[in-house]
Every structure is written in C-alpha cells, then in structure tokens.
Amino acid sequence: MAELATAAPYGDTREVDAASMKRNYILRASVSPDELFTFRKGALVGIRPGDVRMIEPVLDGEPRADLEIVGVYDDERGQIDPITDDGADGEALDAYGKSIRVSVRDGDLGNFDTAAPGVNQILPAHVGQPCFAKNDNTLWLTDDGGTLSFAGLVGAVNARGKVTLRNTWDIRQNWKNFGTAFTITAADVPIVDAGGYTTETDVEGALQEIYPLVLAGMTASKKTLTANATTITAAAATEALNLDTALPANARIVGVDFHTYTPFSGGAVGDFTVDIGTSGDVDALIDGADLFAAAVDGGPATIPQGIRPNKFFAAGGQLIATFRCGSDDVGDATAGAITIDVLYVVLA
C-alpha cells in the first residue's frame, strides 16, 4: 500500500491501496456556529442522506448514524481549518464566493485507531465484519447503540492494532440495500448451473434439492471401457465403441476418469482423441481427450469437458466412446491403450 501523509493528531501515515478511487466533493463548512469542520489529511469523511456532493468529517463529540462514509480526505491543500463563510446550503466558499472542491479517496485505507479493549475493539478475528466511524480516525466494532455511521468492512489488523478499512462503492451500496444486518439469504443468490446438478435457480432451493441426496449416502457406480490398438480396428477416421452396458434410469454423471494409458501410435497416426457421450450427443461428457500426447500422471495430458459433463439421464442410456484420428485410420494404430471409467449415482 502507498502512504498518504497526515497531520496531527494521527501520528501515523494513512496507508492507501494503489487501486483506490479518487472523487471530488464540496466541503461542508458548518450547519451552525457551534459545528465547524476541520479537514485533516486522511480524515474519514461522509455525506448526509439525500446529499451527493458535500462532505464532512466524523465528529467525536457529535456522532451521527446517518452519514455515508465515502473514504478519507485526500486533497493537495492538506489540512483545512474551520471555515465560517458558508454558502446557502452550508458549503465552504473560497475568496471568490465559489464552493471549495476537494478530493476524497476510498478503497483499502490503513492505520486507523480502534477502541480500547472491550466490545468495540477491532481484532484480527473481526476481518470481514462491518465496522463504524467513532471519529475521523477511529473505528469501532459496533454502532454504539445506533449512534455511529457504517464505515465499511474490516480489511486487516496489524501487529500494532491498527485497522485497515475496506470502503468501496459496492460495499456502501450493499449496506444501503441490505441494512444493518449486512446479510443476504441463500434464496437471494441466483445460480447458473452449467453442470445440470439441480433444477433450482437459487442457492437455497438447490441446497434443499441436493442435501437430502447427500444425507442418503448415495454410492457411486461406474461404467468402464478398456480399449487398445487391438480392439480399435475400423478402417476409418472414427470408431464408436459402447462404454460398458447402458446406464440405468435416473443416472447422474459424477465424473470421468482416464487411466492405464499408453499413447496411440503406429502407421501414419499423428493425432488420436476420444469423445464420451451418447449417440444423440457424442461429446456431451468429454470432447476430444488427447490420446496421442505423452501421459501425465498416468492419463491423457488434455481432457476437455463437453457441454454436459454431469448430465442427468432420466431414462438411462448407452454411453459411447468415439475414437478419432485425423491423420490415418484409427485401426492403423499399432500401439496404445486406455481405460475409461464413468462414475455415476442413481437419484431417487
């Protein structure tokens, strides 16, 4: 992380993530003669509800629970002391009567203080949890009975007890959308199940569908084919062999394993692959496993999955291994061997 110089009372430099975002805001000068704002370099700043342009620092003596903390003050002018020359909406004005615009940085922001030991002290175990702005340099674990504003998530806690705050637009929006609990239920999370493991469209529904099957202690079965240069005999570029007997009804493919492999060679063979599927979709499970290249860990070096590697066979079906050679007839290979195991479970 880079360093952002700060002024007293911080002492430490504020660390900032190199990928942090910088945005411009207008300074809020005050809302009353008793509430004047000092902007120190590295100070936590926020905006009030309904306002998207005026920032103010977090005041220890006058806490607010409704600020949206947007990052830390990071302007080239450094510290700006109290300004009493207000615009109509409480904004700070320069000598020409123009609103004073400054820079604010969000992202991963380091070296914040936290509370003394107790319920509000932030510890390494709290990484990833929400935290709250006690003042412009101090983060607490709780909102102190609903009196403090959400600052972001705890990013880290170093050996000296200094806290890194994670404050990004996404985190702020999640807090606004999902409230103080900062929770999203499993039913709120949609899923795209490319493998076809479930018919549900959200995590909660998928868990309810799959969990009973797990509890039932299903036993995986397998279909096996061992093929070699003797059993592959076609005088053609392809040959399809049945992979064991047919799958039973309600079979769900769990995975495909290749082992006891010797690369295919001989004749003019310069390539050799195998697809695994059915007559209706010959490469649904495996699409072009390389049986020509040298073995890796006892099997083919490349085993691309098909479009339905975990296909569900409601009515069962016969699996087929289709061997292919683009440089010679598959039957011209004089060496090579492979054993193919297709693992499956039967759903109730």
Protein backbone atom coordinates (compact mmCIF):
# COMPACT_ATOMS: atom_id res chain seq x y z
CA MET A 1 0.00 0.00 0.00
CA ALA A 2 1.13 3.56 -0.67
CA GLU A 3 1.31 6.19 2.05
CA LEU A 4 -0.76 9.35 2.42
CA ALA A 5 0.80 11.91 4.73
CA THR A 6 -1.43 13.04 7.59
CA ALA A 7 -1.40 15.85 10.11
CA ALA A 8 -1.82 15.67 13.90
CA PRO A 9 -3.46 14.03 15.77
CA TYR A 10 -2.91 10.89 13.68
CA GLY A 11 0.84 10.50 14.01
CA ASP A 12 0.95 7.56 11.60
CA THR A 13 0.68 7.97 7.88
CA ARG A 14 -2.54 6.77 6.34
CA GLU A 15 -1.96 3.80 4.03
CA VAL A 16 -3.99 3.69 0.84
CA ASP A 17 -4.45 0.96 -1.73
CA ALA A 18 -2.81 1.80 -5.04
CA ALA A 19 -6.05 0.84 -6.80
CA SER A 20 -8.21 3.13 -4.66
CA MET A 21 -10.62 5.54 -6.35
CA LYS A 22 -10.41 9.32 -6.01
CA ARG A 23 -13.51 11.52 -6.31
CA ASN A 24 -14.26 15.22 -5.91
CA TYR A 25 -16.69 16.66 -3.38
CA ILE A 26 -17.62 20.06 -1.95
CA LEU A 27 -16.62 20.95 1.62
CA ARG A 28 -19.41 21.43 4.12
CA ALA A 29 -18.28 24.32 6.33
CA SER A 30 -20.86 24.11 9.10
CA VAL A 31 -24.51 23.80 9.91
CA SER A 32 -24.41 26.08 12.93
CA PRO A 33 -21.86 28.39 14.59
CA ASP A 34 -21.11 25.60 17.09
CA GLU A 35 -20.36 22.96 14.46
CA LEU A 36 -17.36 24.00 12.38
CA PHE A 37 -15.42 21.37 10.49
CA THR A 38 -11.66 20.83 10.36
CA PHE A 39 -10.49 18.68 7.43
CA ARG A 40 -7.26 16.85 8.25
CA LYS A 41 -5.38 14.86 5.65
CA GLY A 42 -6.53 11.23 5.92
CA ALA A 43 -9.68 12.03 7.94
CA LEU A 44 -12.77 9.88 7.49
CA VAL A 45 -15.45 11.90 5.73
CA GLY A 46 -19.06 11.28 4.79
CA ILE A 47 -22.13 12.72 3.14
CA ARG A 48 -25.59 13.22 4.65
CA PRO A 49 -28.78 11.48 3.48
CA GLY A 50 -30.06 12.91 0.23
CA ASP A 51 -26.79 14.74 -0.43
CA VAL A 52 -24.31 13.54 -3.02
CA ARG A 53 -21.87 16.45 -3.06
CA MET A 54 -20.96 17.86 0.38
CA ILE A 55 -18.59 16.03 2.70
CA GLU A 56 -17.91 16.50 6.39
CA PRO A 57 -15.56 14.77 8.84
CA VAL A 58 -16.81 12.45 11.57
CA LEU A 59 -17.04 14.37 14.85
CA ASP A 60 -16.34 12.55 18.12
CA GLY A 61 -18.46 14.88 20.21
CA GLU A 62 -21.43 14.99 17.86
CA PRO A 63 -21.84 11.47 16.45
CA ARG A 64 -24.15 10.79 13.53
CA ALA A 65 -25.63 7.45 12.49
CA ASP A 66 -26.79 8.59 9.06
CA LEU A 67 -23.56 9.54 7.29
CA GLU A 68 -22.46 7.58 4.26
CA ILE A 69 -18.71 7.32 4.83
CA VAL A 70 -17.19 7.78 1.36
CA GLY A 71 -13.50 7.48 2.22
CA VAL A 72 -10.75 9.75 3.54
CA TYR A 73 -9.99 13.39 2.83
CA ASP A 74 -7.03 13.44 0.42
CA ASP A 75 -6.56 16.87 -1.08
CA GLU A 76 -3.33 18.56 -2.19
CA ARG A 77 -4.13 21.54 0.03
CA GLY A 78 -3.64 19.45 3.14
CA GLN A 79 -5.42 20.43 6.33
CA ILE A 80 -8.26 22.92 6.00
CA ASP A 81 -9.14 24.64 9.27
CA PRO A 82 -12.67 25.75 10.24
CA ILE A 83 -14.35 28.00 7.72
CA THR A 84 -17.30 30.14 8.78
CA ASP A 85 -18.02 31.65 5.37
CA ASP A 86 -20.96 29.44 4.38
CA GLY A 87 -22.95 29.19 1.20
CA ALA A 88 -26.71 28.94 1.25
CA ASP A 89 -26.57 25.18 1.92
CA GLY A 90 -23.70 25.27 4.42
CA GLU A 91 -20.92 24.71 1.88
CA ALA A 92 -17.49 26.31 2.35
CA LEU A 93 -16.76 29.19 -0.03
CA ASP A 94 -13.44 30.47 -1.29
CA ALA A 95 -12.40 34.15 -1.51
CA TYR A 96 -14.40 34.48 -4.74
CA GLY A 97 -17.58 33.05 -3.29
CA LYS A 98 -17.16 29.71 -5.08
CA SER A 99 -17.70 26.32 -3.47
CA ILE A 100 -14.45 24.70 -2.34
CA ARG A 101 -13.94 21.36 -4.11
CA VAL A 102 -11.61 18.72 -2.66
CA SER A 103 -10.57 15.12 -3.29
CA VAL A 104 -11.67 12.05 -1.34
CA ARG A 105 -10.19 8.57 -1.71
CA ASP A 106 -11.88 5.22 -0.98
CA GLY A 107 -10.64 1.63 -1.28
CA ASP A 108 -8.38 -0.12 1.24
CA LEU A 109 -7.35 2.50 3.81
CA GLY A 110 -4.90 1.61 6.57
CA ASN A 111 -3.70 2.70 10.01
CA PHE A 112 -6.93 3.60 11.81
CA ASP A 113 -7.20 3.53 15.59
CA THR A 114 -9.81 1.39 17.31
CA ALA A 115 -11.38 1.26 20.76
CA ALA A 116 -9.68 0.19 23.97
CA PRO A 117 -10.14 -3.50 24.91
CA GLY A 118 -13.84 -4.24 25.13
CA VAL A 119 -16.87 -4.80 22.92
CA ASN A 120 -15.84 -2.09 20.43
CA GLN A 121 -12.20 -3.06 19.96
CA ILE A 122 -11.49 -4.41 16.47
CA LEU A 123 -9.25 -7.51 16.48
CA PRO A 124 -7.80 -9.75 13.72
CA ALA A 125 -10.72 -12.14 14.24
CA HIS A 126 -13.07 -9.41 13.02
CA VAL A 127 -11.65 -9.19 9.48
CA GLY A 128 -14.53 -9.07 7.01
CA GLN A 129 -17.04 -7.75 9.55
CA PRO A 130 -18.75 -4.33 9.41
CA CYS A 131 -17.19 -1.50 11.44
CA PHE A 132 -18.30 2.00 12.35
CA ALA A 133 -16.82 5.51 12.46
CA LYS A 134 -16.30 6.80 16.00
CA ASN A 135 -14.42 9.87 14.77
CA ASP A 136 -12.31 10.86 11.78
CA ASN A 137 -9.51 8.44 12.78
CA THR A 138 -11.16 5.76 14.96
CA LEU A 139 -13.20 2.69 14.03
CA TRP A 140 -15.42 0.73 16.39
CA LEU A 141 -16.81 -2.78 16.01
CA THR A 142 -20.37 -1.74 16.92
CA ASP A 143 -22.51 1.27 16.09
CA ASP A 144 -22.68 2.15 19.82
CA GLY A 145 -26.39 1.64 20.15
CA GLY A 146 -27.27 3.00 16.74
CA THR A 147 -25.35 6.29 17.13
CA LEU A 148 -22.44 5.73 14.72
CA SER A 149 -22.29 5.55 10.93
CA PHE A 150 -21.25 2.44 9.00
CA ALA A 151 -17.66 2.92 7.77
CA GLY A 152 -17.04 -0.24 5.75
CA LEU A 153 -15.58 -3.67 6.37
CA VAL A 154 -12.55 -4.58 8.47
CA GLY A 155 -9.79 -5.32 5.95
CA ALA A 156 -6.93 -6.20 8.32
CA VAL A 157 -5.49 -5.53 11.78
CA ASN A 158 -1.71 -5.22 12.04
CA ALA A 159 0.61 -6.18 14.89
CA ARG A 160 0.26 -2.71 16.43
CA GLY A 161 -3.52 -2.97 16.49
CA LYS A 162 -4.02 -0.52 13.63
CA VAL A 163 -7.03 -1.25 11.44
CA THR A 164 -7.29 -1.29 7.65
CA LEU A 165 -10.72 -0.19 6.45
CA ARG A 166 -12.19 -1.55 3.24
CA ASN A 167 -14.54 1.08 1.84
CA THR A 168 -15.72 0.81 -1.79
CA TRP A 169 -18.81 1.83 -3.71
CA ASP A 170 -20.03 -1.78 -3.83
CA ILE A 171 -19.67 -2.20 -0.07
CA ARG A 172 -21.54 1.05 0.58
CA GLN A 173 -24.35 0.05 -1.78
CA ASN A 174 -24.70 -3.39 -0.17
CA TRP A 175 -25.04 -1.74 3.22
CA LYS A 176 -27.75 0.58 1.90
CA ASN A 177 -29.64 -2.21 0.17
CA PHE A 178 -29.46 -4.93 2.82
CA GLY A 179 -29.47 -2.93 6.05
CA THR A 180 -27.60 -3.14 9.30
CA ALA A 181 -27.59 -6.94 9.41
CA PHE A 182 -25.46 -6.93 6.24
CA THR A 183 -26.78 -10.35 5.32
CA ILE A 184 -28.04 -11.85 2.09
CA THR A 185 -30.07 -15.04 2.36
CA ALA A 186 -29.30 -18.04 0.21
CA ALA A 187 -32.64 -17.53 -1.54
CA ASP A 188 -31.43 -14.08 -2.69
CA VAL A 189 -28.45 -15.56 -4.57
CA PRO A 190 -29.19 -16.77 -8.12
CA ILE A 191 -27.14 -19.56 -9.67
CA VAL A 192 -26.33 -20.68 -13.19
CA ASP A 193 -25.83 -24.44 -13.06
CA ALA A 194 -23.92 -25.29 -16.22
CA GLY A 195 -23.34 -28.85 -14.99
CA GLY A 196 -27.04 -29.52 -14.52
CA TYR A 197 -26.70 -30.59 -10.88
CA THR A 198 -30.02 -29.01 -9.86
CA THR A 199 -33.27 -27.79 -11.37
CA GLU A 200 -33.43 -24.82 -8.96
CA THR A 201 -32.38 -21.26 -9.77
CA ASP A 202 -31.21 -20.03 -6.36
CA VAL A 203 -28.80 -21.36 -3.74
CA GLU A 204 -31.47 -22.08 -1.10
CA GLY A 205 -33.57 -24.16 -3.49
CA ALA A 206 -30.51 -26.01 -4.78
CA LEU A 207 -29.40 -26.90 -1.26
CA GLN A 208 -32.85 -28.21 -0.41
CA GLU A 209 -32.84 -30.36 -3.53
CA ILE A 210 -29.30 -31.71 -3.21
CA TYR A 211 -28.88 -32.03 0.58
CA PRO A 212 -31.26 -35.00 1.03
CA LEU A 213 -29.33 -36.86 -1.64
CA VAL A 214 -26.11 -36.27 0.25
CA LEU A 215 -27.67 -37.45 3.52
CA ALA A 216 -28.95 -40.56 1.79
CA GLY A 217 -25.35 -41.69 1.39
CA MET A 218 -25.51 -42.45 -2.32
CA THR A 219 -22.95 -44.94 -3.60
CA ALA A 220 -21.19 -44.11 -6.85
CA SER A 221 -21.17 -46.76 -9.56
CA LYS A 222 -19.15 -46.84 -12.75
CA LYS A 223 -19.19 -47.90 -16.35
CA THR A 224 -15.81 -48.98 -17.74
CA LEU A 225 -14.25 -49.46 -21.13
CA THR A 226 -10.71 -50.65 -21.82
CA ALA A 227 -9.65 -50.07 -25.43
CA ASN A 228 -6.35 -50.57 -27.22
CA ALA A 229 -4.81 -50.83 -30.67
CA THR A 230 -6.16 -54.39 -30.96
CA THR A 231 -9.80 -53.58 -30.12
CA ILE A 232 -9.95 -50.42 -32.25
CA THR A 233 -9.99 -51.80 -35.78
CA ALA A 234 -12.03 -49.54 -38.06
CA ALA A 235 -10.56 -48.61 -41.43
CA ALA A 236 -11.98 -45.14 -40.96
CA ALA A 237 -11.27 -41.86 -39.23
CA THR A 238 -13.64 -42.72 -36.36
CA GLU A 239 -14.86 -45.73 -34.43
CA ALA A 240 -17.55 -45.76 -31.73
CA LEU A 241 -17.46 -48.40 -29.00
CA ASN A 242 -20.10 -48.96 -26.35
CA LEU A 243 -18.83 -47.94 -22.95
CA ASP A 244 -19.94 -50.95 -20.87
CA THR A 245 -23.67 -51.66 -20.53
CA ALA A 246 -26.36 -48.97 -20.58
CA LEU A 247 -26.83 -46.52 -17.72
CA PRO A 248 -29.88 -47.14 -15.51
CA ALA A 249 -32.75 -44.66 -15.31
CA ASN A 250 -32.13 -41.50 -13.20
CA ALA A 251 -28.36 -41.77 -13.53
CA ARG A 252 -26.42 -38.57 -12.81
CA ILE A 253 -22.84 -38.44 -14.13
CA VAL A 254 -20.38 -37.57 -11.36
CA GLY A 255 -17.13 -37.62 -13.34
CA VAL A 256 -14.98 -39.31 -15.95
CA ASP A 257 -11.53 -40.78 -15.27
CA PHE A 258 -8.87 -42.00 -17.72
CA HIS A 259 -6.08 -44.30 -16.55
CA THR A 260 -3.76 -47.14 -17.56
CA TYR A 261 -2.86 -45.02 -20.55
CA THR A 262 -0.33 -45.62 -23.33
CA PRO A 263 -0.31 -43.08 -26.19
CA PHE A 264 -1.64 -44.37 -29.52
CA SER A 265 0.88 -44.55 -32.37
CA GLY A 266 1.87 -46.50 -35.46
CA GLY A 267 1.19 -46.20 -39.17
CA ALA A 268 0.75 -42.54 -40.10
CA VAL A 269 -1.00 -41.71 -36.83
CA GLY A 270 -0.16 -38.12 -35.83
CA ASP A 271 -3.17 -37.44 -33.61
CA PHE A 272 -5.66 -39.54 -31.67
CA THR A 273 -8.60 -38.40 -29.50
CA VAL A 274 -11.70 -39.78 -27.83
CA ASP A 275 -15.13 -38.27 -27.14
CA ILE A 276 -17.51 -39.59 -24.47
CA GLY A 277 -21.26 -39.19 -24.83
CA THR A 278 -24.26 -40.90 -26.37
CA SER A 279 -25.49 -41.42 -29.91
CA GLY A 280 -27.52 -38.24 -29.63
CA ASP A 281 -24.60 -36.14 -28.36
CA VAL A 282 -21.33 -37.99 -28.79
CA ASP A 283 -19.17 -35.47 -26.90
CA ALA A 284 -21.61 -34.41 -24.16
CA LEU A 285 -19.29 -35.58 -21.34
CA ILE A 286 -15.79 -35.39 -22.87
CA ASP A 287 -14.89 -33.52 -26.04
CA GLY A 288 -11.55 -34.64 -27.51
CA ALA A 289 -9.36 -36.17 -24.79
CA ASP A 290 -5.83 -36.36 -26.26
CA LEU A 291 -4.70 -39.99 -26.62
CA PHE A 292 -1.63 -39.17 -28.73
CA ALA A 293 0.43 -36.95 -26.40
CA ALA A 294 2.61 -38.37 -23.63
CA ALA A 295 0.90 -39.40 -20.41
CA VAL A 296 0.62 -37.01 -17.46
CA ASP A 297 0.04 -38.63 -14.08
CA GLY A 298 -0.94 -41.87 -15.78
CA GLY A 299 -3.60 -40.35 -18.03
CA PRO A 300 -4.08 -38.05 -21.02
CA ALA A 301 -2.48 -34.62 -20.79
CA THR A 302 -5.62 -32.86 -22.05
CA ILE A 303 -9.20 -33.87 -21.21
CA PRO A 304 -11.65 -31.15 -22.34
CA GLN A 305 -15.12 -31.38 -20.82
CA GLY A 306 -18.17 -31.50 -23.07
CA ILE A 307 -21.23 -29.29 -22.80
CA ARG A 308 -22.93 -31.57 -20.20
CA PRO A 309 -20.17 -33.16 -18.09
CA ASN A 310 -22.65 -34.00 -15.30
CA LYS A 311 -25.59 -34.93 -17.50
CA PHE A 312 -28.72 -36.46 -15.96
CA PHE A 313 -30.14 -39.49 -17.79
CA ALA A 314 -33.77 -39.72 -16.71
CA ALA A 315 -34.45 -42.74 -18.92
CA GLY A 316 -30.93 -44.17 -18.80
CA GLY A 317 -28.87 -44.51 -21.95
CA GLN A 318 -25.93 -46.18 -23.64
CA LEU A 319 -22.62 -44.34 -23.28
CA ILE A 320 -20.34 -44.35 -26.31
CA ALA A 321 -16.60 -43.71 -26.66
CA THR A 322 -15.84 -42.29 -30.12
CA PHE A 323 -12.19 -42.61 -31.11
CA ARG A 324 -10.91 -40.22 -33.79
CA CYS A 325 -7.78 -39.82 -35.90
CA GLY A 326 -7.34 -37.06 -38.45
CA SER A 327 -4.08 -38.32 -39.94
CA ASP A 328 -4.82 -42.03 -40.52
CA ASP A 329 -7.48 -44.67 -39.96
CA VAL A 330 -7.99 -45.34 -36.25
CA GLY A 331 -7.47 -49.04 -36.93
CA ASP A 332 -3.96 -48.39 -38.27
CA ALA A 333 -2.62 -47.64 -34.79
CA THR A 334 -0.31 -50.44 -33.70
CA ALA A 335 0.19 -49.36 -30.09
CA GLY A 336 -1.82 -47.58 -27.44
CA ALA A 337 -4.26 -48.34 -24.64
CA ILE A 338 -6.69 -46.52 -22.39
CA THR A 339 -9.16 -47.41 -19.63
CA ILE A 340 -12.15 -45.09 -19.22
CA ASP A 341 -14.26 -45.02 -16.05
CA VAL A 342 -17.51 -43.04 -15.99
CA LEU A 343 -18.73 -42.56 -12.42
CA TYR A 344 -22.44 -42.01 -11.74
CA VAL A 345 -25.05 -42.08 -8.99
CA VAL A 346 -28.71 -43.03 -9.28
CA LEU A 347 -31.10 -40.38 -7.98
CA ALA A 348 -34.32 -41.43 -6.33
